[in-house]
C-alpha atoms as a PDB file:
ATOM      1  CA  THR A   1    -110.859 175.799  13.417  1.00  0.00           C
ATOM      2  CA  ALA A   2    -110.750 177.512  16.677  1.00  0.00           C
ATOM      3  CA  LEU A   3    -109.647 181.528  16.585  1.00  0.00           C
ATOM      4  CA  GLY A   4    -107.092 182.404  19.471  1.00  0.00           C
ATOM      5  CA  GLY A   5    -108.586 186.371  18.901  1.00  0.00           C
ATOM      6  CA  HIS A   6    -105.232 188.095  19.412  1.00  0.00           C
ATOM      7  CA  TYR A   7    -104.186 189.090  16.388  1.00  0.00           C
ATOM      8  CA  LEU A   8    -106.098 189.772  13.014  1.00  0.00           C
ATOM      9  CA  ILE A   9    -104.619 190.781   9.477  1.00  0.00           C
ATOM     10  CA  ALA A  10    -106.463 191.882   6.513  1.00  0.00           C
ATOM     11  CA  ASP A  11    -105.212 190.969   3.056  1.00  0.00           C
ATOM     12  CA  SER A  12    -104.445 194.859   1.508  1.00  0.00           C
ATOM     13  CA  ASP A  13    -105.296 193.547  -1.892  1.00  0.00           C
ATOM     14  CA  ASP A  14    -108.071 191.421  -1.049  1.00  0.00           C
ATOM     15  CA  VAL A  15    -110.989 192.433   1.083  1.00  0.00           C
ATOM     16  CA  ASN A  16    -112.521 189.202   1.260  1.00  0.00           C
ATOM     17  CA  THR A  17    -109.157 187.557   2.865  1.00  0.00           C
ATOM     18  CA  LEU A  18    -108.541 187.637   6.636  1.00  0.00           C
ATOM     19  CA  TYR A  19    -105.633 186.167   8.914  1.00  0.00           C
ATOM     20  CA  ALA A  20    -105.617 185.192  12.298  1.00  0.00           C
ATOM     21  CA  ASP A  21    -104.035 183.414  15.092  1.00  0.00           C
ATOM     22  CA  GLY A  22    -105.625 179.619  15.738  1.00  0.00           C
ATOM     23  CA  MET A  23    -105.915 177.650  18.611  1.00  0.00           C
ATOM     24  CA  PRO A  24    -103.030 176.326  17.332  1.00  0.00           C
ATOM     25  CA  GLY A  25    -101.373 177.552  14.278  1.00  0.00           C
ATOM     26  CA  LEU A  26    -102.701 179.949  11.737  1.00  0.00           C
ATOM     27  CA  SER A  27    -106.131 180.307  10.433  1.00  0.00           C
ATOM     28  CA  LYS A  28    -107.660 181.937   7.294  1.00  0.00           C
ATOM     29  CA  SER A  29    -111.003 183.671   5.785  1.00  0.00           C
ATOM     30  CA  SER A  30    -112.050 183.779   2.308  1.00  0.00           C
ATOM     31  CA  ASP A  31    -115.468 185.350   2.749  1.00  0.00           C
ATOM     32  CA  ARG A  32    -114.550 188.366   5.134  1.00  0.00           C
ATOM     33  CA  GLY A  33    -114.534 186.305   8.419  1.00  0.00           C
ATOM     34  CA  LEU A  34    -117.904 184.145   7.754  1.00  0.00           C
ATOM     35  CA  THR A  35    -115.741 180.712   7.650  1.00  0.00           C
ATOM     36  CA  TRP A  36    -112.533 179.931   8.583  1.00  0.00           C
ATOM     37  CA  GLU A  37    -109.462 177.123   8.042  1.00  0.00           C
ATOM     38  CA  ASP A  38    -106.082 176.005   9.283  1.00  0.00           C
ATOM     39  CA  ILE A  39    -103.481 176.639   7.053  1.00  0.00           C
ATOM     40  CA  ASN A  40    -100.540 174.935   9.479  1.00  0.00           C
ATOM     41  CA  GLU A  41     -98.700 172.450   7.340  1.00  0.00           C
ATOM     42  CA  GLY A  42     -95.459 172.382   9.215  1.00  0.00           C
ATOM     43  CA  ILE A  43     -96.214 173.858  12.458  1.00  0.00           C
ATOM     44  CA  GLY A  44     -98.961 171.569  13.979  1.00  0.00           C
ATOM     45  CA  GLY A  45     -99.219 172.173  17.533  1.00  0.00           C
ATOM     46  CA  VAL A  46     -98.193 175.445  18.434  1.00  0.00           C
ATOM     47  CA  THR A  47     -99.694 178.770  19.670  1.00  0.00           C
ATOM     48  CA  ILE A  48     -98.898 181.465  17.384  1.00  0.00           C
ATOM     49  CA  THR A  49     -98.137 185.081  19.225  1.00  0.00           C
ATOM     50  CA  ASP A  50     -97.672 187.148  16.264  1.00  0.00           C
ATOM     51  CA  ILE A  51     -96.971 187.270  12.072  1.00  0.00           C
ATOM     52  CA  SER A  52     -95.903 189.594  10.124  1.00  0.00           C
ATOM     53  CA  GLN A  53     -95.809 189.544   5.946  1.00  0.00           C
ATOM     54  CA  ALA A  54     -93.719 191.026   3.396  1.00  0.00           C
ATOM     55  CA  ASN A  55     -94.222 192.843   0.888  1.00  0.00           C
ATOM     56  CA  ASN A  56     -93.939 189.967  -1.374  1.00  0.00           C
ATOM     57  CA  LYS A  57     -97.344 188.483   0.220  1.00  0.00           C
ATOM     58  CA  ASP A  58     -96.109 184.770  -0.174  1.00  0.00           C
ATOM     59  CA  ILE A  59     -93.228 185.412   2.435  1.00  0.00           C
ATOM     60  CA  VAL A  60     -94.610 185.605   5.818  1.00  0.00           C
ATOM     61  CA  TRP A  61     -92.641 185.151   9.287  1.00  0.00           C
ATOM     62  CA  ALA A  62     -94.745 183.891  12.460  1.00  0.00           C
ATOM     63  CA  ALA A  63     -93.833 183.912  16.440  1.00  0.00           C
ATOM     64  CA  ALA A  64     -94.736 181.424  18.490  1.00  0.00           C
ATOM     65  CA  TYR A  65     -94.431 179.855  22.133  1.00  0.00           C
ATOM     66  CA  ASN A  66     -92.073 177.200  21.106  1.00  0.00           C
ATOM     67  CA  GLY A  67     -90.019 178.857  18.149  1.00  0.00           C
ATOM     68  CA  ILE A  68     -90.036 180.841  14.792  1.00  0.00           C
ATOM     69  CA  ALA A  69     -91.591 179.897  11.722  1.00  0.00           C
ATOM     70  CA  LYS A  70     -91.413 181.041   7.923  1.00  0.00           C
ATOM     71  CA  THR A  71     -93.250 179.993   4.963  1.00  0.00           C
ATOM     72  CA  GLU A  72     -92.610 181.130   0.985  1.00  0.00           C
ATOM     73  CA  ASN A  73     -95.763 179.832  -0.324  1.00  0.00           C
ATOM     74  CA  PHE A  74     -98.120 181.802   2.171  1.00  0.00           C
ATOM     75  CA  THR A  75    -100.847 182.880  -0.418  1.00  0.00           C
ATOM     76  CA  SER A  76    -101.157 179.176  -1.809  1.00  0.00           C
ATOM     77  CA  GLY A  77    -103.980 177.068  -0.382  1.00  0.00           C
ATOM     78  CA  ASN A  78    -102.101 175.380   2.142  1.00  0.00           C
ATOM     79  CA  PRO A  79     -98.827 177.261   2.602  1.00  0.00           C
ATOM     80  CA  THR A  80     -95.851 175.131   3.796  1.00  0.00           C
ATOM     81  CA  TRP A  81     -94.004 176.139   6.944  1.00  0.00           C
ATOM     82  CA  THR A  82     -90.334 176.059   7.992  1.00  0.00           C
ATOM     83  CA  PHE A  83     -90.421 175.698  11.679  1.00  0.00           C
ATOM     84  CA  PRO A  84     -88.493 176.163  14.096  1.00  0.00           C
ATOM     85  CA  VAL A  85     -86.462 178.524  12.253  1.00  0.00           C
ATOM     86  CA  LEU A  86     -85.095 179.787  15.514  1.00  0.00           C
ATOM     87  CA  GLU A  87     -86.131 177.720  18.402  1.00  0.00           C
ATOM     88  CA  ASP A  88     -86.613 180.441  21.183  1.00  0.00           C
ATOM     89  CA  PRO A  89     -89.887 181.396  22.129  1.00  0.00           C
ATOM     90  CA  GLY A  90     -91.499 184.686  20.012  1.00  0.00           C
ATOM     91  CA  ALA A  91     -93.973 187.336  21.579  1.00  0.00           C
ATOM     92  CA  GLY A  92     -93.570 189.752  18.402  1.00  0.00           C
ATOM     93  CA  ILE A  93     -91.824 189.575  14.706  1.00  0.00           C
ATOM     94  CA  TRP A  94     -91.105 192.001  12.270  1.00  0.00           C
ATOM     95  CA  VAL A  95     -89.876 191.393   8.731  1.00  0.00           C
ATOM     96  CA  LYS A  96     -88.903 194.560   6.644  1.00  0.00           C
ATOM     97  CA  PRO A  97     -91.210 194.375   3.919  1.00  0.00           C
ATOM     98  CA  ASP A  98     -88.824 194.981   0.724  1.00  0.00           C
ATOM     99  CA  ASP A  99     -86.178 192.779   2.416  1.00  0.00           C
ATOM    100  CA  SER A 100     -87.476 189.871   4.129  1.00  0.00           C
ATOM    101  CA  ASN A 101     -83.881 188.558   4.909  1.00  0.00           C
ATOM    102  CA  ILE A 102     -84.452 191.048   7.532  1.00  0.00           C
ATOM    103  CA  VAL A 103     -86.624 189.854  10.636  1.00  0.00           C
ATOM    104  CA  LEU A 104     -86.522 191.288  14.332  1.00  0.00           C
ATOM    105  CA  VAL A 105     -87.563 189.071  16.855  1.00  0.00           C
ATOM    106  CA  GLY A 106     -89.202 190.175  20.404  1.00  0.00           C
ATOM    107  CA  GLU A 107     -88.732 187.344  22.730  1.00  0.00           C
ATOM    108  CA  ILE A 108     -88.711 187.414  27.223  1.00  0.00           C
ATOM    109  CA  GLY A 109     -85.429 189.742  27.757  1.00  0.00           C
ATOM    110  CA  ALA A 110     -84.139 190.041  24.081  1.00  0.00           C
ATOM    111  CA  ILE A 111     -84.550 191.455  20.749  1.00  0.00           C
ATOM    112  CA  ARG A 112     -82.939 189.040  18.554  1.00  0.00           C
ATOM    113  CA  ARG A 113     -82.555 190.392  14.508  1.00  0.00           C
ATOM    114  CA  THR A 114     -81.403 188.425  11.385  1.00  0.00           C
ATOM    115  CA  ALA A 115     -80.156 189.779   7.945  1.00  0.00           C
ATOM    116  CA  ASP A 116     -80.010 186.844   6.118  1.00  0.00           C
ATOM    117  CA  GLY A 117     -83.404 185.123   6.725  1.00  0.00           C
ATOM    118  CA  GLY A 118     -82.347 183.510   9.670  1.00  0.00           C
ATOM    119  CA  VAL A 119     -79.462 181.850   8.800  1.00  0.00           C
ATOM    120  CA  THR A 120     -77.863 183.263  11.804  1.00  0.00           C
ATOM    121  CA  TRP A 121     -79.247 185.552  14.308  1.00  0.00           C
ATOM    122  CA  THR A 122     -77.980 188.090  17.123  1.00  0.00           C
ATOM    123  CA  GLU A 123     -77.718 187.284  20.836  1.00  0.00           C
ATOM    124  CA  ASN A 124     -79.792 190.075  22.154  1.00  0.00           C
ATOM    125  CA  ASP A 125     -79.378 193.864  20.366  1.00  0.00           C
ATOM    126  CA  ALA A 126     -81.179 195.571  23.523  1.00  0.00           C
ATOM    127  CA  ALA A 127     -79.569 193.635  26.553  1.00  0.00           C
ATOM    128  CA  ALA A 128     -79.039 197.032  27.795  1.00  0.00           C
ATOM    129  CA  PHE A 129     -82.509 197.811  28.747  1.00  0.00           C
ATOM    130  CA  LEU A 130     -84.486 194.118  28.563  1.00  0.00           C
ATOM    131  CA  SER A 131     -84.152 191.705  31.753  1.00  0.00           C
ATOM    132  CA  HIS A 132     -85.677 188.393  31.758  1.00  0.00           C
ATOM    133  CA  ASP A 133     -88.844 190.022  33.650  1.00  0.00           C
ATOM    134  CA  TYR A 134     -89.783 192.020  30.332  1.00  0.00           C
ATOM    135  CA  SER A 135     -90.689 190.505  26.801  1.00  0.00           C
ATOM    136  CA  VAL A 136     -90.982 192.435  23.351  1.00  0.00           C
ATOM    137  CA  THR A 137     -94.417 191.951  22.156  1.00  0.00           C
ATOM    138  CA  GLU A 138     -94.738 194.344  18.781  1.00  0.00           C
ATOM    139  CA  PHE A 139     -92.427 196.206  16.372  1.00  0.00           C
ATOM    140  CA  ILE A 140     -93.762 199.190  14.105  1.00  0.00           C
ATOM    141  CA  GLN A 141     -92.091 200.809  11.378  1.00  0.00           C
ATOM    142  CA  ASP A 142     -92.120 204.714  11.381  1.00  0.00           C
ATOM    143  CA  VAL A 143     -94.390 206.023   8.527  1.00  0.00           C
ATOM    144  CA  ASP A 144     -91.682 208.507   7.300  1.00  0.00           C
ATOM    145  CA  ASP A 145     -88.132 206.885   8.192  1.00  0.00           C
ATOM    146  CA  SER A 146     -88.233 203.074   6.935  1.00  0.00           C
ATOM    147  CA  ASN A 147     -85.064 202.614   9.328  1.00  0.00           C
ATOM    148  CA  THR A 148     -86.984 203.489  12.466  1.00  0.00           C
ATOM    149  CA  ILE A 149     -88.311 200.937  14.264  1.00  0.00           C
ATOM    150  CA  TYR A 150     -90.401 201.026  17.604  1.00  0.00           C
ATOM    151  CA  ALA A 151     -91.052 198.046  20.062  1.00  0.00           C
ATOM    152  CA  ALA A 152     -93.244 197.781  22.810  1.00  0.00           C
ATOM    153  CA  VAL A 153     -92.302 196.414  26.006  1.00  0.00           C
ATOM    154  CA  VAL A 154     -94.323 194.663  28.931  1.00  0.00           C
ATOM    155  CA  ASN A 155     -93.180 193.043  32.161  1.00  0.00           C
ATOM    156  CA  GLY A 156     -94.488 189.495  31.988  1.00  0.00           C
ATOM    157  CA  GLU A 157     -94.004 188.524  35.641  1.00  0.00           C
ATOM    158  CA  PRO A 158     -97.322 187.669  36.866  1.00  0.00           C
ATOM    159  CA  ASN A 159     -96.517 188.782  40.310  1.00  0.00           C
ATOM    160  CA  ASN A 160     -95.138 191.899  39.394  1.00  0.00           C
ATOM    161  CA  SER A 161     -96.327 195.338  38.816  1.00  0.00           C
ATOM    162  CA  LYS A 162     -97.460 196.397  34.876  1.00  0.00           C
ATOM    163  CA  THR A 163     -94.373 198.064  33.601  1.00  0.00           C
ATOM    164  CA  GLY A 164     -92.564 198.473  30.533  1.00  0.00           C
ATOM    165  CA  MET A 165     -91.423 200.480  27.741  1.00  0.00           C
ATOM    166  CA  VAL A 166     -90.880 201.717  24.291  1.00  0.00           C
ATOM    167  CA  LEU A 167     -87.760 201.086  22.773  1.00  0.00           C
ATOM    168  CA  VAL A 168     -86.792 202.643  19.433  1.00  0.00           C
ATOM    169  CA  SER A 169     -83.883 201.872  16.867  1.00  0.00           C
ATOM    170  CA  HIS A 170     -82.650 204.054  13.957  1.00  0.00           C
ATOM    171  CA  ASP A 171     -80.639 201.255  11.944  1.00  0.00           C
ATOM    172  CA  LEU A 172     -83.682 198.666  11.318  1.00  0.00           C
ATOM    173  CA  GLY A 173     -82.896 196.910  14.787  1.00  0.00           C
ATOM    174  CA  ILE A 174     -78.782 196.984  14.861  1.00  0.00           C
ATOM    175  CA  THR A 175     -78.917 199.375  18.276  1.00  0.00           C
ATOM    176  CA  TRP A 176     -81.711 200.413  20.428  1.00  0.00           C
ATOM    177  CA  GLU A 177     -82.520 202.923  22.607  1.00  0.00           C
ATOM    178  CA  ASP A 178     -85.444 203.827  25.317  1.00  0.00           C
ATOM    179  CA  MET A 179     -87.927 206.567  24.174  1.00  0.00           C
ATOM    180  CA  ASP A 180     -88.735 207.231  27.958  1.00  0.00           C
ATOM    181  CA  LEU A 181     -92.754 207.649  26.738  1.00  0.00           C
ATOM    182  CA  LEU A 182     -94.501 205.988  29.742  1.00  0.00           C
ATOM    183  CA  ASP A 183     -92.835 206.537  33.016  1.00  0.00           C
ATOM    184  CA  GLY A 184     -92.330 202.865  33.539  1.00  0.00           C
ATOM    185  CA  ALA A 185     -95.739 202.066  32.135  1.00  0.00           C
ATOM    186  CA  SER A 186     -96.509 199.107  30.634  1.00  0.00           C
ATOM    187  CA  ALA A 187     -96.745 199.293  26.876  1.00  0.00           C
ATOM    188  CA  GLN A 188     -99.216 196.318  25.846  1.00  0.00           C
ATOM    189  CA  THR A 189     -99.854 197.730  22.361  1.00  0.00           C
ATOM    190  CA  ILE A 190     -98.641 200.562  19.985  1.00  0.00           C
ATOM    191  CA  THR A 191     -99.429 202.243  16.737  1.00  0.00           C
ATOM    192  CA  GLN A 192     -98.588 205.280  14.830  1.00  0.00           C
ATOM    193  CA  ALA A 193    -100.624 207.851  12.852  1.00  0.00           C
ATOM    194  CA  SER A 194     -99.538 209.255   9.549  1.00  0.00           C
ATOM    195  CA  ASN A 195     -98.996 212.438  11.174  1.00  0.00           C
ATOM    196  CA  GLY A 196     -96.371 210.560  12.797  1.00  0.00           C
ATOM    197  CA  ASP A 197     -97.917 210.842  16.468  1.00  0.00           C
ATOM    198  CA  ILE A 198     -97.157 207.213  18.551  1.00  0.00           C
ATOM    199  CA  TYR A 199    -100.271 205.838  20.239  1.00  0.00           C
ATOM    200  CA  VAL A 200     -99.169 203.115  22.921  1.00  0.00           C
ATOM    201  CA  GLY A 201    -102.004 201.089  25.113  1.00  0.00           C
ATOM    202  CA  VAL A 202    -100.802 200.707  28.498  1.00  0.00           C
ATOM    203  CA  GLY A 203    -103.955 198.963  30.158  1.00  0.00           C
ATOM    204  CA  ALA A 204    -105.923 199.837  32.938  1.00  0.00           C
ATOM    205  CA  GLU A 205    -103.302 200.269  35.656  1.00  0.00           C
ATOM    206  CA  GLY A 206    -101.282 202.337  33.354  1.00  0.00           C
ATOM    207  CA  GLY A 207    -103.669 205.038  32.521  1.00  0.00           C
ATOM    208  CA  SER A 208    -103.335 206.302  28.908  1.00  0.00           C
ATOM    209  CA  SER A 209    -100.782 207.358  26.823  1.00  0.00           C
END
């Protein structure tokens, strides 16, 4: 098993269990990272860019370069994936913890949303802010308001300067607005402290925010 090294998730109910992006697919460790195994049935040959798990730990959504995948038996020994649920390349993904039918997908130039578990999807809920140069790579939910979602946006064109933004939605991703936090700097990662403060990693070119 080869690890991608981009994402790592710890199981909140089992300190020994870790999940990480593999090369390709998804990998699992049951011994705190000493050994890893592939858990890729149904999604062989894909490169995972982000994963999100519902409160029901069996339900996990994964974004990949060649589509969106979903499993409903993640905690089994070898989860079975439905792929592609959405054929668009995904950079970031978020599933509503207490309602796994609501999912947001960050793409190049778009945020797409489903409220029926992936049967139907919106076309682009943030078209007013995102051009084909921008990629939505990460979503987080506000620590105090479960309807508020933040999205980290970067400029993915290698020949362009590292620009971006942070978008916010107060209705679970139906509508979005620019927070004007970064003076155009690239939002490469985002997190929120328990007191509500938001921290955004902007890379070497953008300083810090």
